[in-house]
Amino acid sequence: MSKQADFYRHVVLFKFKDAASAETIAGIESAFRALCAKLPFVKGFEWGRNSSPERLNEGFTHCFIISFATPQARDNYLPHPDHLTFCQRWLDPNVEKVCVVDFAACD
C-alpha cells in the first residue's frame, strides 16, 4: 500500500439532520468540492458516502478527506473566511453531528 508521507489529513464525518433533503446534501457535496478546489493550500480532496455492511457508522453517512502539506496549512484552512462561510451556509443548518480526525501519515 502506498502512502503520501508529506501530507497531513483532515478527516470529517457528517451525520445529517433528518430534515436535510437529498438535494441539500448534494449541494453540500458540490460546495465542499468547490471550496477545496478554490483554496491553494488544499492539496487534495476526497469524499464518499458510507457503504460499509458492518453498520457501525452511527448515522454518519459522508466522509470528506482534505489533504494539506503541513498542519500549519490546515491551521490556515480552519479560520479561512471561505471555509467559515461554507460552514455557516451549508453545515450549521443541516448537520446534526460531526466527527473530525486529523493525522499525519505514519510508518
N, C-alpha and C. Protein backbone atom coordinates (compact mmCIF):
# COMPACT_ATOMS: atom_id res chain seq x y z
N MET A 1 0.84 -1.17 0.00
CA MET A 1 0.00 0.00 0.00
C MET A 1 0.88 1.24 0.00
N SER A 2 0.58 2.18 -0.87
CA SER A 2 1.39 3.40 -0.91
C SER A 2 0.86 4.42 0.09
N LYS A 3 1.74 5.32 0.50
CA LYS A 3 1.33 6.39 1.40
C LYS A 3 1.94 7.68 0.90
N GLN A 4 1.33 8.76 1.30
CA GLN A 4 1.84 10.08 0.97
C GLN A 4 2.30 10.72 2.27
N ALA A 5 3.52 10.44 2.67
CA ALA A 5 4.04 10.87 3.96
C ALA A 5 4.13 12.37 4.10
N ASP A 6 4.16 13.08 2.99
CA ASP A 6 4.28 14.53 3.05
C ASP A 6 2.92 15.22 3.20
N PHE A 7 1.87 14.47 3.40
CA PHE A 7 0.56 15.06 3.50
C PHE A 7 0.02 14.95 4.93
N TYR A 8 -0.80 15.92 5.27
CA TYR A 8 -1.49 15.96 6.55
C TYR A 8 -2.98 15.87 6.23
N ARG A 9 -3.67 14.96 6.87
CA ARG A 9 -5.08 14.69 6.55
C ARG A 9 -6.02 15.30 7.60
N HIS A 10 -7.11 15.86 7.09
CA HIS A 10 -8.21 16.39 7.91
C HIS A 10 -9.43 15.60 7.47
N VAL A 11 -9.89 14.69 8.33
CA VAL A 11 -10.99 13.78 8.01
C VAL A 11 -12.24 14.25 8.74
N VAL A 12 -13.32 14.43 7.99
CA VAL A 12 -14.56 14.94 8.56
C VAL A 12 -15.70 13.98 8.20
N LEU A 13 -16.44 13.55 9.21
CA LEU A 13 -17.61 12.70 9.01
C LEU A 13 -18.86 13.50 9.37
N PHE A 14 -19.92 13.36 8.55
CA PHE A 14 -21.17 14.08 8.80
C PHE A 14 -22.31 13.12 9.04
N LYS A 15 -23.11 13.46 10.03
CA LYS A 15 -24.42 12.87 10.25
C LYS A 15 -25.41 14.00 10.01
N PHE A 16 -26.21 13.90 8.97
CA PHE A 16 -27.12 14.96 8.61
C PHE A 16 -28.41 14.90 9.42
N LYS A 17 -29.01 16.06 9.60
CA LYS A 17 -30.31 16.14 10.25
C LYS A 17 -31.33 15.45 9.37
N ASP A 18 -32.36 14.88 10.00
CA ASP A 18 -33.41 14.20 9.24
C ASP A 18 -34.06 15.14 8.22
N ALA A 19 -34.14 16.42 8.54
CA ALA A 19 -34.79 17.38 7.65
C ALA A 19 -33.94 17.75 6.43
N ALA A 20 -32.67 17.37 6.41
CA ALA A 20 -31.81 17.70 5.27
C ALA A 20 -32.23 16.85 4.06
N SER A 21 -32.65 17.53 3.01
CA SER A 21 -33.12 16.82 1.82
C SER A 21 -31.95 16.27 1.01
N ALA A 22 -32.24 15.34 0.13
CA ALA A 22 -31.22 14.79 -0.77
C ALA A 22 -30.63 15.90 -1.64
N GLU A 23 -31.45 16.86 -2.05
CA GLU A 23 -30.98 17.98 -2.85
C GLU A 23 -30.01 18.85 -2.05
N THR A 24 -30.32 19.09 -0.79
CA THR A 24 -29.44 19.89 0.07
C THR A 24 -28.11 19.18 0.29
N ILE A 25 -28.16 17.89 0.53
CA ILE A 25 -26.93 17.12 0.74
C ILE A 25 -26.08 17.13 -0.52
N ALA A 26 -26.71 17.01 -1.68
CA ALA A 26 -25.96 17.10 -2.95
C ALA A 26 -25.33 18.48 -3.09
N GLY A 27 -26.02 19.52 -2.63
CA GLY A 27 -25.46 20.87 -2.65
C GLY A 27 -24.25 20.99 -1.74
N ILE A 28 -24.30 20.34 -0.60
CA ILE A 28 -23.16 20.34 0.33
C ILE A 28 -21.96 19.64 -0.30
N GLU A 29 -22.20 18.50 -0.91
CA GLU A 29 -21.11 17.77 -1.58
C GLU A 29 -20.44 18.66 -2.63
N SER A 30 -21.25 19.31 -3.43
CA SER A 30 -20.73 20.17 -4.50
C SER A 30 -20.01 21.40 -3.94
N ALA A 31 -20.60 22.02 -2.93
CA ALA A 31 -19.99 23.22 -2.34
C ALA A 31 -18.68 22.90 -1.65
N PHE A 32 -18.59 21.73 -1.00
CA PHE A 32 -17.36 21.33 -0.33
C PHE A 32 -16.25 21.11 -1.36
N ARG A 33 -16.59 20.44 -2.45
CA ARG A 33 -15.63 20.20 -3.53
C ARG A 33 -15.13 21.53 -4.10
N ALA A 34 -16.05 22.46 -4.34
CA ALA A 34 -15.68 23.76 -4.89
C ALA A 34 -14.81 24.55 -3.91
N LEU A 35 -15.14 24.50 -2.63
CA LEU A 35 -14.33 25.19 -1.61
C LEU A 35 -12.90 24.70 -1.65
N CYS A 36 -12.72 23.39 -1.63
CA CYS A 36 -11.36 22.83 -1.60
C CYS A 36 -10.60 23.09 -2.88
N ALA A 37 -11.28 23.11 -4.01
CA ALA A 37 -10.62 23.40 -5.30
C ALA A 37 -10.14 24.85 -5.36
N LYS A 38 -10.80 25.71 -4.65
CA LYS A 38 -10.51 27.15 -4.68
C LYS A 38 -9.32 27.55 -3.81
N LEU A 39 -9.05 26.82 -2.75
CA LEU A 39 -8.05 27.22 -1.77
C LEU A 39 -6.69 26.63 -2.12
N PRO A 40 -5.67 27.46 -2.31
CA PRO A 40 -4.37 26.97 -2.79
C PRO A 40 -3.63 26.07 -1.81
N PHE A 41 -3.92 26.16 -0.54
CA PHE A 41 -3.20 25.33 0.44
C PHE A 41 -3.85 23.97 0.63
N VAL A 42 -4.98 23.71 -0.02
CA VAL A 42 -5.59 22.37 -0.03
C VAL A 42 -4.91 21.59 -1.14
N LYS A 43 -4.27 20.48 -0.79
CA LYS A 43 -3.51 19.68 -1.76
C LYS A 43 -4.29 18.50 -2.30
N GLY A 44 -5.38 18.13 -1.63
CA GLY A 44 -6.18 17.02 -2.11
C GLY A 44 -7.54 17.01 -1.44
N PHE A 45 -8.52 16.43 -2.14
CA PHE A 45 -9.88 16.35 -1.62
C PHE A 45 -10.49 15.04 -2.10
N GLU A 46 -10.97 14.27 -1.16
CA GLU A 46 -11.66 13.01 -1.47
C GLU A 46 -12.93 12.97 -0.64
N TRP A 47 -13.94 12.30 -1.14
CA TRP A 47 -15.14 12.14 -0.33
C TRP A 47 -15.92 10.94 -0.83
N GLY A 48 -16.80 10.48 0.02
CA GLY A 48 -17.67 9.38 -0.36
C GLY A 48 -18.76 9.17 0.68
N ARG A 49 -19.72 8.37 0.27
CA ARG A 49 -20.83 8.01 1.16
C ARG A 49 -20.55 6.64 1.77
N ASN A 50 -20.99 6.46 3.00
CA ASN A 50 -20.78 5.19 3.69
C ASN A 50 -21.40 4.04 2.90
N SER A 51 -20.64 2.98 2.76
CA SER A 51 -21.15 1.78 2.11
C SER A 51 -20.78 0.52 2.90
N SER A 52 -20.39 0.70 4.14
CA SER A 52 -19.95 -0.43 4.94
C SER A 52 -21.12 -1.33 5.33
N PRO A 53 -20.96 -2.64 5.18
CA PRO A 53 -22.01 -3.57 5.61
C PRO A 53 -21.99 -3.81 7.12
N GLU A 54 -20.99 -3.27 7.82
CA GLU A 54 -20.86 -3.53 9.25
C GLU A 54 -21.88 -2.78 10.11
N ARG A 55 -22.45 -1.72 9.58
CA ARG A 55 -23.44 -0.92 10.30
C ARG A 55 -22.90 -0.35 11.61
N LEU A 56 -21.66 0.12 11.56
CA LEU A 56 -21.01 0.72 12.73
C LEU A 56 -20.86 2.23 12.59
N ASN A 57 -21.51 2.82 11.59
CA ASN A 57 -21.31 4.23 11.28
C ASN A 57 -22.08 5.19 12.19
N GLU A 58 -22.96 4.69 13.01
CA GLU A 58 -23.69 5.50 14.00
C GLU A 58 -24.39 6.70 13.37
N GLY A 59 -24.88 6.53 12.16
CA GLY A 59 -25.62 7.59 11.48
C GLY A 59 -24.77 8.50 10.62
N PHE A 60 -23.44 8.39 10.70
CA PHE A 60 -22.56 9.18 9.84
C PHE A 60 -22.62 8.59 8.45
N THR A 61 -22.99 9.41 7.48
CA THR A 61 -23.19 8.90 6.12
C THR A 61 -22.14 9.37 5.12
N HIS A 62 -21.42 10.45 5.44
CA HIS A 62 -20.48 11.04 4.50
C HIS A 62 -19.11 11.23 5.14
N CYS A 63 -18.07 10.93 4.36
CA CYS A 63 -16.69 11.13 4.80
C CYS A 63 -16.00 12.03 3.79
N PHE A 64 -15.36 13.08 4.30
CA PHE A 64 -14.59 14.01 3.48
C PHE A 64 -13.16 14.03 3.99
N ILE A 65 -12.20 13.91 3.10
CA ILE A 65 -10.79 13.92 3.48
C ILE A 65 -10.11 15.05 2.72
N ILE A 66 -9.62 16.02 3.48
CA ILE A 66 -8.92 17.15 2.90
C ILE A 66 -7.44 16.97 3.23
N SER A 67 -6.57 17.07 2.24
CA SER A 67 -5.14 16.90 2.44
C SER A 67 -4.42 18.23 2.35
N PHE A 68 -3.45 18.39 3.25
CA PHE A 68 -2.62 19.58 3.32
C PHE A 68 -1.17 19.14 3.36
N ALA A 69 -0.26 20.03 3.01
CA ALA A 69 1.16 19.71 3.08
C ALA A 69 1.64 19.65 4.52
N THR A 70 1.05 20.45 5.39
CA THR A 70 1.51 20.55 6.78
C THR A 70 0.32 20.84 7.70
N PRO A 71 0.49 20.61 8.99
CA PRO A 71 -0.55 21.02 9.94
C PRO A 71 -0.80 22.54 9.90
N GLN A 72 0.23 23.31 9.60
CA GLN A 72 0.07 24.76 9.53
C GLN A 72 -0.87 25.15 8.38
N ALA A 73 -0.81 24.42 7.28
CA ALA A 73 -1.73 24.69 6.17
C ALA A 73 -3.17 24.40 6.61
N ARG A 74 -3.37 23.32 7.35
CA ARG A 74 -4.69 23.04 7.93
C ARG A 74 -5.12 24.18 8.85
N ASP A 75 -4.17 24.70 9.62
CA ASP A 75 -4.48 25.81 10.53
C ASP A 75 -4.89 27.07 9.76
N ASN A 76 -4.41 27.23 8.54
CA ASN A 76 -4.83 28.34 7.68
C ASN A 76 -6.24 28.10 7.14
N TYR A 77 -6.56 26.85 6.89
CA TYR A 77 -7.86 26.47 6.33
C TYR A 77 -9.00 26.69 7.33
N LEU A 78 -8.82 26.26 8.55
CA LEU A 78 -9.92 26.28 9.52
C LEU A 78 -10.55 27.66 9.70
N PRO A 79 -9.77 28.73 9.92
CA PRO A 79 -10.40 30.04 10.10
C PRO A 79 -10.57 30.84 8.81
N HIS A 80 -10.25 30.23 7.67
CA HIS A 80 -10.33 30.97 6.40
C HIS A 80 -11.79 31.42 6.17
N PRO A 81 -11.98 32.65 5.72
CA PRO A 81 -13.34 33.17 5.53
C PRO A 81 -14.21 32.31 4.62
N ASP A 82 -13.64 31.74 3.56
CA ASP A 82 -14.44 30.89 2.67
C ASP A 82 -14.87 29.60 3.37
N HIS A 83 -14.02 29.05 4.22
CA HIS A 83 -14.38 27.86 4.99
C HIS A 83 -15.48 28.20 5.98
N LEU A 84 -15.34 29.30 6.68
CA LEU A 84 -16.34 29.71 7.66
C LEU A 84 -17.69 29.99 7.01
N THR A 85 -17.67 30.61 5.84
CA THR A 85 -18.91 30.87 5.10
C THR A 85 -19.57 29.56 4.68
N PHE A 86 -18.77 28.62 4.19
CA PHE A 86 -19.28 27.29 3.82
C PHE A 86 -19.96 26.63 5.01
N CYS A 87 -19.31 26.66 6.16
CA CYS A 87 -19.87 26.03 7.37
C CYS A 87 -21.18 26.70 7.77
N GLN A 88 -21.20 28.01 7.77
CA GLN A 88 -22.42 28.73 8.17
C GLN A 88 -23.56 28.52 7.18
N ARG A 89 -23.25 28.53 5.90
CA ARG A 89 -24.28 28.42 4.86
C ARG A 89 -24.83 26.99 4.75
N TRP A 90 -23.94 26.01 4.77
CA TRP A 90 -24.34 24.65 4.46
C TRP A 90 -24.41 23.72 5.67
N LEU A 91 -23.42 23.80 6.54
CA LEU A 91 -23.33 22.79 7.60
C LEU A 91 -24.17 23.12 8.83
N ASP A 92 -24.07 24.33 9.32
CA ASP A 92 -24.79 24.68 10.54
C ASP A 92 -26.28 24.32 10.48
N PRO A 93 -26.97 24.61 9.38
CA PRO A 93 -28.40 24.29 9.36
C PRO A 93 -28.74 22.83 9.03
N ASN A 94 -27.77 22.05 8.57
CA ASN A 94 -28.09 20.72 8.03
C ASN A 94 -27.39 19.54 8.69
N VAL A 95 -26.36 19.79 9.49
CA VAL A 95 -25.59 18.69 10.07
C VAL A 95 -25.95 18.53 11.54
N GLU A 96 -26.30 17.31 11.90
CA GLU A 96 -26.64 17.00 13.29
C GLU A 96 -25.39 16.77 14.13
N LYS A 97 -24.44 16.06 13.54
CA LYS A 97 -23.24 15.70 14.28
C LYS A 97 -22.05 15.62 13.33
N VAL A 98 -20.87 16.02 13.84
CA VAL A 98 -19.64 15.98 13.06
C VAL A 98 -18.58 15.25 13.87
N CYS A 99 -17.78 14.47 13.19
CA CYS A 99 -16.60 13.85 13.81
C CYS A 99 -15.40 14.27 12.97
N VAL A 100 -14.35 14.77 13.64
CA VAL A 100 -13.15 15.22 12.93
C VAL A 100 -11.94 14.50 13.50
N VAL A 101 -11.10 13.98 12.61
CA VAL A 101 -9.83 13.37 12.99
C VAL A 101 -8.78 13.91 12.04
N ASP A 102 -7.70 14.44 12.58
CA ASP A 102 -6.58 14.92 11.79
C ASP A 102 -5.38 14.02 12.07
N PHE A 103 -4.60 13.76 11.03
CA PHE A 103 -3.43 12.92 11.23
C PHE A 103 -2.40 13.14 10.16
N ALA A 104 -1.15 12.81 10.50
CA ALA A 104 -0.06 12.74 9.55
C ALA A 104 0.20 11.27 9.29
N ALA A 105 0.67 10.96 8.10
CA ALA A 105 0.93 9.56 7.75
C ALA A 105 1.98 8.98 8.69
N CYS A 106 1.76 7.73 9.07
CA CYS A 106 2.69 7.01 9.95
C CYS A 106 3.29 5.84 9.18
N ASP A 107 4.44 5.41 9.62
CA ASP A 107 5.06 4.21 9.03
C ASP A 107 4.40 2.97 9.58
